Amino acid sequence: MDRFVVMGVSGCGKTSIGQGLGAAMGATFIDGDDLHPAENVAKMASGTPLEDEDRWPWLDRVGVALGAGAGTTIIGCSALKRIYRDRIRAATGRPVMFLHLAGSRALIAERMAARKDHFMPPSLLDSQFAALEPPQPDEAFIHVDIGPSAERIVADLAAQLAARRA
């Protein structure tokens, strides 16, 4: 499998883990936040959670970008609900593995409060957890505990993915 989505609630580390994993695997990393329509960014920046209708065009863009990549491609995208992951899979047109970054609300809130220049306010974290439907056994995924350092997470994920390819 050469298509991966680093998923989870806002503030869990999708971008830093995705960038690190991309570098470790010689893969292309795409930040799904860059694919949001301007209206979505403005809505979230104002403290208003997105509705499913807001997300559909974005999820389609995520899937198309993931499917169009040459070689191994990794994209960071919340992919909180099963229906969102199904939409990404359909738009990608090939198998996708989801790397679910998971941690406690307290840890993620602490990380969100420390980051600068991001449109997603910490006030929306509860809505992210409320929407989250963790991947199920019939989905291709790896559950990732975000407690360790980013470097450790990237090394562990790279090793797991290499072992699956062998």
N, C-alpha and C. Protein backbone atom coordinates (compact mmCIF):
# COMPACT_ATOMS: atom_id res chain seq x y z
N MET A 1 0.85 -1.18 0.00
CA MET A 1 0.00 0.00 0.00
C MET A 1 0.89 1.24 0.00
N ASP A 2 0.55 2.19 -0.85
CA ASP A 2 1.39 3.38 -0.96
C ASP A 2 0.61 4.69 -0.80
N ARG A 3 -0.60 4.60 -0.22
CA ARG A 3 -1.42 5.79 0.05
C ARG A 3 -1.79 5.76 1.53
N PHE A 4 -1.42 6.84 2.23
CA PHE A 4 -1.63 6.90 3.67
C PHE A 4 -2.28 8.21 4.06
N VAL A 5 -3.21 8.15 5.01
CA VAL A 5 -3.81 9.34 5.59
C VAL A 5 -3.44 9.34 7.07
N VAL A 6 -2.74 10.39 7.51
CA VAL A 6 -2.46 10.59 8.92
C VAL A 6 -3.67 11.33 9.46
N MET A 7 -4.43 10.66 10.32
CA MET A 7 -5.73 11.18 10.75
C MET A 7 -5.81 11.38 12.26
N GLY A 8 -6.81 12.15 12.66
CA GLY A 8 -7.10 12.36 14.07
C GLY A 8 -7.64 13.76 14.29
N VAL A 9 -8.00 14.03 15.52
CA VAL A 9 -8.56 15.34 15.86
C VAL A 9 -7.52 16.43 15.68
N SER A 10 -7.98 17.65 15.58
CA SER A 10 -7.08 18.79 15.46
C SER A 10 -6.11 18.81 16.65
N GLY A 11 -4.86 19.10 16.37
CA GLY A 11 -3.86 19.20 17.42
C GLY A 11 -3.16 17.91 17.79
N CYS A 12 -3.49 16.80 17.12
CA CYS A 12 -2.88 15.51 17.47
C CYS A 12 -1.51 15.31 16.83
N GLY A 13 -1.13 16.17 15.88
CA GLY A 13 0.19 16.06 15.27
C GLY A 13 0.21 15.56 13.84
N LYS A 14 -0.90 15.68 13.13
CA LYS A 14 -0.97 15.15 11.77
C LYS A 14 0.12 15.71 10.86
N THR A 15 0.34 17.02 10.94
CA THR A 15 1.32 17.64 10.06
C THR A 15 2.74 17.24 10.43
N SER A 16 3.10 17.33 11.71
CA SER A 16 4.48 17.00 12.09
C SER A 16 4.78 15.52 11.87
N ILE A 17 3.85 14.65 12.20
CA ILE A 17 4.07 13.21 11.98
C ILE A 17 4.07 12.91 10.48
N GLY A 18 3.15 13.50 9.73
CA GLY A 18 3.09 13.28 8.30
C GLY A 18 4.35 13.74 7.58
N GLN A 19 4.84 14.93 7.95
CA GLN A 19 6.08 15.43 7.35
C GLN A 19 7.26 14.53 7.69
N GLY A 20 7.35 14.13 8.95
CA GLY A 20 8.45 13.26 9.39
C GLY A 20 8.40 11.91 8.72
N LEU A 21 7.21 11.34 8.63
CA LEU A 21 7.06 10.03 7.99
C LEU A 21 7.36 10.13 6.50
N GLY A 22 6.92 11.20 5.87
CA GLY A 22 7.23 11.41 4.46
C GLY A 22 8.73 11.44 4.23
N ALA A 23 9.44 12.18 5.08
CA ALA A 23 10.90 12.26 4.95
C ALA A 23 11.54 10.89 5.18
N ALA A 24 11.06 10.15 6.19
CA ALA A 24 11.64 8.84 6.51
C ALA A 24 11.39 7.81 5.41
N MET A 25 10.27 7.93 4.72
CA MET A 25 9.91 6.95 3.70
C MET A 25 10.22 7.41 2.28
N GLY A 26 10.73 8.62 2.13
CA GLY A 26 10.94 9.15 0.79
C GLY A 26 9.63 9.37 0.06
N ALA A 27 8.60 9.76 0.82
CA ALA A 27 7.25 9.93 0.28
C ALA A 27 6.90 11.40 0.16
N THR A 28 5.89 11.69 -0.61
CA THR A 28 5.34 13.03 -0.72
C THR A 28 4.34 13.23 0.41
N PHE A 29 4.44 14.35 1.12
CA PHE A 29 3.46 14.70 2.15
C PHE A 29 2.66 15.90 1.68
N ILE A 30 1.35 15.80 1.85
CA ILE A 30 0.42 16.90 1.54
C ILE A 30 -0.34 17.22 2.81
N ASP A 31 -0.39 18.50 3.17
CA ASP A 31 -1.17 18.92 4.33
C ASP A 31 -2.60 19.17 3.88
N GLY A 32 -3.51 18.35 4.35
CA GLY A 32 -4.91 18.47 3.97
C GLY A 32 -5.52 19.82 4.32
N ASP A 33 -4.97 20.50 5.34
CA ASP A 33 -5.47 21.84 5.68
C ASP A 33 -5.34 22.79 4.49
N ASP A 34 -4.32 22.59 3.67
CA ASP A 34 -4.10 23.46 2.51
C ASP A 34 -5.16 23.27 1.43
N LEU A 35 -5.95 22.20 1.53
CA LEU A 35 -6.97 21.91 0.53
C LEU A 35 -8.36 22.41 0.92
N HIS A 36 -8.48 22.95 2.14
CA HIS A 36 -9.77 23.50 2.58
C HIS A 36 -10.15 24.71 1.75
N PRO A 37 -11.42 24.81 1.35
CA PRO A 37 -11.88 26.05 0.74
C PRO A 37 -11.76 27.20 1.76
N ALA A 38 -11.58 28.41 1.27
CA ALA A 38 -11.43 29.57 2.15
C ALA A 38 -12.62 29.72 3.10
N GLU A 39 -13.81 29.35 2.65
CA GLU A 39 -15.00 29.46 3.50
C GLU A 39 -14.88 28.55 4.72
N ASN A 40 -14.33 27.35 4.54
CA ASN A 40 -14.15 26.43 5.67
C ASN A 40 -13.17 27.00 6.68
N VAL A 41 -12.06 27.53 6.19
CA VAL A 41 -11.05 28.09 7.09
C VAL A 41 -11.65 29.25 7.88
N ALA A 42 -12.38 30.12 7.21
CA ALA A 42 -13.00 31.27 7.90
C ALA A 42 -14.00 30.79 8.94
N LYS A 43 -14.77 29.78 8.62
CA LYS A 43 -15.76 29.25 9.55
C LYS A 43 -15.09 28.70 10.80
N MET A 44 -14.06 27.88 10.60
CA MET A 44 -13.35 27.30 11.75
C MET A 44 -12.63 28.38 12.55
N ALA A 45 -12.00 29.32 11.87
CA ALA A 45 -11.28 30.39 12.56
C ALA A 45 -12.20 31.22 13.43
N SER A 46 -13.48 31.29 13.05
CA SER A 46 -14.46 32.05 13.84
C SER A 46 -15.00 31.24 15.01
N GLY A 47 -14.57 29.96 15.12
CA GLY A 47 -15.01 29.12 16.22
C GLY A 47 -16.24 28.28 15.91
N THR A 48 -16.61 28.20 14.64
CA THR A 48 -17.79 27.43 14.23
C THR A 48 -17.34 26.10 13.63
N PRO A 49 -17.83 24.99 14.19
CA PRO A 49 -17.45 23.68 13.62
C PRO A 49 -18.03 23.51 12.22
N LEU A 50 -17.33 22.77 11.39
CA LEU A 50 -17.82 22.46 10.05
C LEU A 50 -18.95 21.44 10.14
N GLU A 51 -19.88 21.56 9.21
CA GLU A 51 -20.95 20.57 9.03
C GLU A 51 -20.49 19.61 7.93
N ASP A 52 -21.16 18.48 7.82
CA ASP A 52 -20.80 17.52 6.77
C ASP A 52 -20.84 18.17 5.39
N GLU A 53 -21.82 19.01 5.14
CA GLU A 53 -21.94 19.67 3.83
C GLU A 53 -20.71 20.52 3.52
N ASP A 54 -20.12 21.10 4.56
CA ASP A 54 -18.89 21.88 4.37
C ASP A 54 -17.72 20.98 4.00
N ARG A 55 -17.73 19.78 4.52
CA ARG A 55 -16.59 18.89 4.38
C ARG A 55 -16.54 18.14 3.05
N TRP A 56 -17.68 17.87 2.41
CA TRP A 56 -17.68 17.01 1.22
C TRP A 56 -16.71 17.49 0.14
N PRO A 57 -16.76 18.76 -0.28
CA PRO A 57 -15.81 19.19 -1.33
C PRO A 57 -14.35 19.04 -0.89
N TRP A 58 -14.09 19.34 0.38
CA TRP A 58 -12.73 19.21 0.91
C TRP A 58 -12.29 17.76 0.89
N LEU A 59 -13.13 16.85 1.35
CA LEU A 59 -12.77 15.43 1.37
C LEU A 59 -12.53 14.91 -0.05
N ASP A 60 -13.32 15.39 -1.01
CA ASP A 60 -13.09 15.00 -2.40
C ASP A 60 -11.72 15.49 -2.87
N ARG A 61 -11.36 16.72 -2.52
CA ARG A 61 -10.03 17.25 -2.88
C ARG A 61 -8.93 16.41 -2.24
N VAL A 62 -9.12 16.02 -0.99
CA VAL A 62 -8.13 15.19 -0.29
C VAL A 62 -7.95 13.88 -1.03
N GLY A 63 -9.05 13.22 -1.37
CA GLY A 63 -8.97 11.94 -2.06
C GLY A 63 -8.33 12.04 -3.43
N VAL A 64 -8.69 13.07 -4.18
CA VAL A 64 -8.11 13.25 -5.52
C VAL A 64 -6.61 13.52 -5.40
N ALA A 65 -6.22 14.38 -4.47
CA ALA A 65 -4.79 14.68 -4.28
C ALA A 65 -4.03 13.43 -3.87
N LEU A 66 -4.62 12.64 -3.01
CA LEU A 66 -3.98 11.40 -2.55
C LEU A 66 -3.82 10.42 -3.71
N GLY A 67 -4.84 10.30 -4.53
CA GLY A 67 -4.79 9.36 -5.65
C GLY A 67 -3.88 9.82 -6.77
N ALA A 68 -3.70 11.12 -6.93
CA ALA A 68 -2.92 11.66 -8.04
C ALA A 68 -1.42 11.64 -7.79
N GLY A 69 -1.01 11.47 -6.55
CA GLY A 69 0.41 11.51 -6.22
C GLY A 69 1.19 10.41 -6.91
N ALA A 70 2.43 10.73 -7.25
CA ALA A 70 3.33 9.73 -7.81
C ALA A 70 4.10 9.09 -6.66
N GLY A 71 4.27 7.79 -6.71
CA GLY A 71 4.99 7.12 -5.63
C GLY A 71 4.16 7.10 -4.35
N THR A 72 4.83 6.91 -3.24
CA THR A 72 4.16 6.87 -1.95
C THR A 72 3.71 8.27 -1.58
N THR A 73 2.43 8.40 -1.21
CA THR A 73 1.86 9.69 -0.86
C THR A 73 1.19 9.60 0.50
N ILE A 74 1.44 10.62 1.32
CA ILE A 74 0.87 10.72 2.66
C ILE A 74 0.15 12.06 2.74
N ILE A 75 -1.06 12.05 3.28
CA ILE A 75 -1.79 13.30 3.45
C ILE A 75 -2.28 13.39 4.89
N GLY A 76 -2.22 14.56 5.45
CA GLY A 76 -2.76 14.81 6.78
C GLY A 76 -4.20 15.28 6.64
N CYS A 77 -5.13 14.58 7.27
CA CYS A 77 -6.55 14.90 7.17
C CYS A 77 -7.25 14.33 8.39
N SER A 78 -8.11 15.08 9.02
CA SER A 78 -8.78 14.61 10.24
C SER A 78 -9.52 13.29 10.01
N ALA A 79 -10.26 13.15 8.91
CA ALA A 79 -10.96 11.90 8.58
C ALA A 79 -11.67 11.32 9.79
N LEU A 80 -12.39 12.17 10.51
CA LEU A 80 -12.95 11.80 11.81
C LEU A 80 -14.02 10.71 11.76
N LYS A 81 -14.85 10.73 10.74
CA LYS A 81 -15.96 9.77 10.66
C LYS A 81 -15.70 8.71 9.59
N ARG A 82 -16.31 7.56 9.79
CA ARG A 82 -16.20 6.47 8.81
C ARG A 82 -16.64 6.94 7.43
N ILE A 83 -17.73 7.68 7.36
CA ILE A 83 -18.24 8.15 6.08
C ILE A 83 -17.24 9.07 5.38
N TYR A 84 -16.45 9.81 6.16
CA TYR A 84 -15.41 10.67 5.58
C TYR A 84 -14.29 9.81 4.99
N ARG A 85 -13.90 8.79 5.74
CA ARG A 85 -12.84 7.90 5.25
C ARG A 85 -13.31 7.15 4.00
N ASP A 86 -14.59 6.74 3.98
CA ASP A 86 -15.14 6.08 2.80
C ASP A 86 -15.09 7.03 1.60
N ARG A 87 -15.40 8.29 1.82
CA ARG A 87 -15.38 9.27 0.73
C ARG A 87 -13.96 9.47 0.20
N ILE A 88 -13.00 9.54 1.11
CA ILE A 88 -11.60 9.67 0.70
C ILE A 88 -11.17 8.45 -0.11
N ARG A 89 -11.50 7.25 0.38
CA ARG A 89 -11.15 6.03 -0.35
C ARG A 89 -11.74 6.03 -1.75
N ALA A 90 -13.01 6.43 -1.87
CA ALA A 90 -13.68 6.44 -3.17
C ALA A 90 -13.01 7.44 -4.12
N ALA A 91 -12.69 8.63 -3.61
CA ALA A 91 -12.07 9.65 -4.46
C ALA A 91 -10.63 9.30 -4.83
N THR A 92 -9.95 8.55 -3.95
CA THR A 92 -8.57 8.16 -4.21
C THR A 92 -8.50 7.12 -5.32
N GLY A 93 -9.45 6.18 -5.31
CA GLY A 93 -9.49 5.17 -6.35
C GLY A 93 -8.48 4.06 -6.19
N ARG A 94 -7.90 3.94 -5.01
CA ARG A 94 -6.94 2.87 -4.74
C ARG A 94 -6.94 2.62 -3.23
N PRO A 95 -6.31 1.55 -2.77
CA PRO A 95 -6.30 1.26 -1.32
C PRO A 95 -5.61 2.39 -0.53
N VAL A 96 -6.17 2.66 0.64
CA VAL A 96 -5.66 3.70 1.53
C VAL A 96 -5.54 3.12 2.93
N MET A 97 -4.42 3.42 3.58
CA MET A 97 -4.26 3.04 4.98
C MET A 97 -4.33 4.31 5.82
N PHE A 98 -5.09 4.24 6.92
CA PHE A 98 -5.24 5.36 7.82
C PHE A 98 -4.35 5.15 9.04
N LEU A 99 -3.59 6.17 9.38
CA LEU A 99 -2.71 6.14 10.54
C LEU A 99 -3.35 7.05 11.58
N HIS A 100 -4.05 6.43 12.54
CA HIS A 100 -4.88 7.17 13.49
C HIS A 100 -4.06 7.63 14.70
N LEU A 101 -3.79 8.93 14.76
CA LEU A 101 -3.06 9.52 15.89
C LEU A 101 -4.06 9.78 17.01
N ALA A 102 -3.86 9.13 18.15
CA ALA A 102 -4.82 9.22 19.25
C ALA A 102 -4.13 9.56 20.56
N GLY A 103 -4.78 10.41 21.33
CA GLY A 103 -4.27 10.77 22.64
C GLY A 103 -5.39 11.34 23.47
N SER A 104 -5.11 11.65 24.71
CA SER A 104 -6.13 12.17 25.61
C SER A 104 -6.53 13.59 25.22
N ARG A 105 -7.72 13.98 25.59
CA ARG A 105 -8.19 15.33 25.33
C ARG A 105 -7.26 16.33 26.01
N ALA A 106 -6.82 16.03 27.23
CA ALA A 106 -5.96 16.95 27.97
C ALA A 106 -4.63 17.18 27.25
N LEU A 107 -4.01 16.11 26.76
CA LEU A 107 -2.74 16.24 26.06
C LEU A 107 -2.90 17.05 24.77
N ILE A 108 -3.95 16.76 24.02
CA ILE A 108 -4.16 17.46 22.76
C ILE A 108 -4.51 18.93 23.01
N ALA A 109 -5.32 19.21 24.02
CA ALA A 109 -5.65 20.60 24.34
C ALA A 109 -4.39 21.38 24.71
N GLU A 110 -3.50 20.74 25.44
CA GLU A 110 -2.23 21.38 25.82
C GLU A 110 -1.41 21.71 24.57
N ARG A 111 -1.35 20.78 23.64
CA ARG A 111 -0.60 21.00 22.40
C ARG A 111 -1.24 22.08 21.54
N MET A 112 -2.57 22.08 21.48
CA MET A 112 -3.26 23.11 20.69
C MET A 112 -3.01 24.51 21.26
N ALA A 113 -3.02 24.60 22.58
CA ALA A 113 -2.80 25.90 23.22
C ALA A 113 -1.40 26.43 22.95
N ALA A 114 -0.45 25.53 22.74
CA ALA A 114 0.95 25.94 22.54
C ALA A 114 1.27 26.30 21.09
N ARG A 115 0.44 25.90 20.14
CA ARG A 115 0.79 26.17 18.75
C ARG A 115 0.36 27.57 18.34
N LYS A 116 1.09 28.10 17.40
CA LYS A 116 0.86 29.46 16.93
C LYS A 116 0.43 29.46 15.47
N ASP A 117 -0.29 30.47 15.10
CA ASP A 117 -0.66 30.71 13.69
C ASP A 117 -1.43 29.56 13.04
N HIS A 118 -2.34 28.94 13.77
CA HIS A 118 -3.20 27.93 13.17
C HIS A 118 -4.63 28.41 13.27
N PHE A 119 -5.40 28.19 12.20
CA PHE A 119 -6.77 28.70 12.15
C PHE A 119 -7.73 27.99 13.09
N MET A 120 -7.41 26.77 13.51
CA MET A 120 -8.33 25.99 14.34
C MET A 120 -8.17 26.35 15.81
N PRO A 121 -9.18 26.98 16.41
CA PRO A 121 -9.06 27.36 17.82
C PRO A 121 -9.27 26.17 18.76
N PRO A 122 -8.64 26.19 19.92
CA PRO A 122 -8.83 25.10 20.89
C PRO A 122 -10.29 24.91 21.30
N SER A 123 -11.10 25.94 21.14
CA SER A 123 -12.52 25.84 21.51
C SER A 123 -13.28 24.81 20.68
N LEU A 124 -12.73 24.41 19.54
CA LEU A 124 -13.41 23.42 18.70
C LEU A 124 -12.97 21.98 18.99
N LEU A 125 -12.08 21.80 19.95
CA LEU A 125 -11.58 20.44 20.23
C LEU A 125 -12.70 19.50 20.66
N ASP A 126 -13.61 19.97 21.50
CA ASP A 126 -14.70 19.11 21.95
C ASP A 126 -15.55 18.63 20.77
N SER A 127 -15.79 19.50 19.79
CA SER A 127 -16.58 19.09 18.62
C SER A 127 -15.82 18.04 17.80
N GLN A 128 -14.50 18.13 17.79
CA GLN A 128 -13.69 17.14 17.08
C GLN A 128 -13.82 15.76 17.75
N PHE A 129 -13.70 15.74 19.07
CA PHE A 129 -13.83 14.46 19.79
C PHE A 129 -15.25 13.91 19.67
N ALA A 130 -16.25 14.78 19.66
CA ALA A 130 -17.64 14.33 19.53
C ALA A 130 -17.88 13.66 18.18
N ALA A 131 -17.22 14.16 17.14
CA ALA A 131 -17.41 13.60 15.80
C ALA A 131 -16.56 12.36 15.55
N LEU A 132 -15.51 12.16 16.31
CA LEU A 132 -14.56 11.08 16.04
C LEU A 132 -15.18 9.69 16.11
N GLU A 133 -15.03 8.94 15.03
CA GLU A 133 -15.38 7.52 14.96
C GLU A 133 -14.08 6.80 14.62
N PRO A 134 -13.40 6.23 15.62
CA PRO A 134 -12.12 5.57 15.33
C PRO A 134 -12.28 4.49 14.26
N PRO A 135 -11.22 4.26 13.49
CA PRO A 135 -11.29 3.20 12.46
C PRO A 135 -11.68 1.86 13.08
N GLN A 136 -12.39 1.09 12.27
CA GLN A 136 -12.91 -0.21 12.69
C GLN A 136 -12.08 -1.34 12.09
N PRO A 137 -12.22 -2.55 12.63
CA PRO A 137 -11.39 -3.68 12.17
C PRO A 137 -11.46 -3.95 10.66
N ASP A 138 -12.54 -3.59 10.00
CA ASP A 138 -12.63 -3.84 8.56
C ASP A 138 -11.97 -2.75 7.71
N GLU A 139 -11.35 -1.76 8.37
CA GLU A 139 -10.62 -0.70 7.67
C GLU A 139 -9.12 -0.97 7.81
N ALA A 140 -8.36 -0.55 6.80
CA ALA A 140 -6.90 -0.65 6.87
C ALA A 140 -6.41 0.54 7.71
N PHE A 141 -5.86 0.26 8.89
CA PHE A 141 -5.40 1.34 9.76
C PHE A 141 -4.38 0.84 10.76
N ILE A 142 -3.65 1.81 11.30
CA ILE A 142 -2.74 1.58 12.43
C ILE A 142 -3.11 2.61 13.48
N HIS A 143 -3.35 2.16 14.69
CA HIS A 143 -3.63 3.04 15.83
C HIS A 143 -2.29 3.51 16.39
N VAL A 144 -2.13 4.82 16.58
CA VAL A 144 -0.85 5.39 17.02
C VAL A 144 -1.08 6.21 18.29
N ASP A 145 -0.40 5.86 19.37
CA ASP A 145 -0.44 6.63 20.61
C ASP A 145 0.48 7.82 20.45
N ILE A 146 -0.04 9.04 20.68
CA ILE A 146 0.77 10.23 20.47
C ILE A 146 1.57 10.65 21.70
N GLY A 147 1.61 9.81 22.72
CA GLY A 147 2.37 10.14 23.93
C GLY A 147 3.86 10.28 23.72
N PRO A 148 4.49 9.38 22.96
CA PRO A 148 5.94 9.49 22.73
C PRO A 148 6.29 10.72 21.88
N SER A 149 7.58 10.97 21.74
CA SER A 149 8.03 12.09 20.91
C SER A 149 7.66 11.85 19.45
N ALA A 150 7.59 12.94 18.69
CA ALA A 150 7.30 12.83 17.26
C ALA A 150 8.34 11.96 16.56
N GLU A 151 9.59 12.10 16.94
CA GLU A 151 10.66 11.32 16.33
C GLU A 151 10.44 9.82 16.56
N ARG A 152 10.04 9.47 17.78
CA ARG A 152 9.78 8.07 18.12
C ARG A 152 8.58 7.52 17.35
N ILE A 153 7.53 8.33 17.28
CA ILE A 153 6.33 7.91 16.55
C ILE A 153 6.67 7.66 15.09
N VAL A 154 7.41 8.59 14.47
CA VAL A 154 7.78 8.45 13.06
C VAL A 154 8.63 7.19 12.86
N ALA A 155 9.60 6.97 13.72
CA ALA A 155 10.46 5.79 13.59
C ALA A 155 9.65 4.51 13.73
N ASP A 156 8.75 4.46 14.70
CA ASP A 156 7.92 3.27 14.90
C ASP A 156 7.00 3.02 13.71
N LEU A 157 6.37 4.09 13.23
CA LEU A 157 5.47 3.94 12.07
C LEU A 157 6.24 3.49 10.83
N ALA A 158 7.38 4.10 10.58
CA ALA A 158 8.18 3.73 9.41
C ALA A 158 8.57 2.25 9.49
N ALA A 159 8.94 1.79 10.68
CA ALA A 159 9.32 0.38 10.85
C ALA A 159 8.11 -0.53 10.63
N GLN A 160 6.95 -0.16 11.17
CA GLN A 160 5.75 -0.98 10.98
C GLN A 160 5.36 -1.07 9.50
N LEU A 161 5.43 0.06 8.83
CA LEU A 161 5.05 0.07 7.41
C LEU A 161 6.05 -0.71 6.56
N ALA A 162 7.32 -0.60 6.88
CA ALA A 162 8.34 -1.36 6.15
C ALA A 162 8.12 -2.86 6.36
N ALA A 163 7.79 -3.26 7.59
CA ALA A 163 7.56 -4.67 7.89
C ALA A 163 6.33 -5.20 7.12
N ARG A 164 5.31 -4.39 6.95
CA ARG A 164 4.12 -4.80 6.21
C ARG A 164 4.41 -4.97 4.74
N ARG A 165 5.36 -4.20 4.22
CA ARG A 165 5.70 -4.27 2.79
C ARG A 165 6.61 -5.47 2.50
N ALA A 166 7.32 -5.95 3.52
CA ALA A 166 8.29 -7.03 3.32
C ALA A 166 7.62 -8.37 3.09
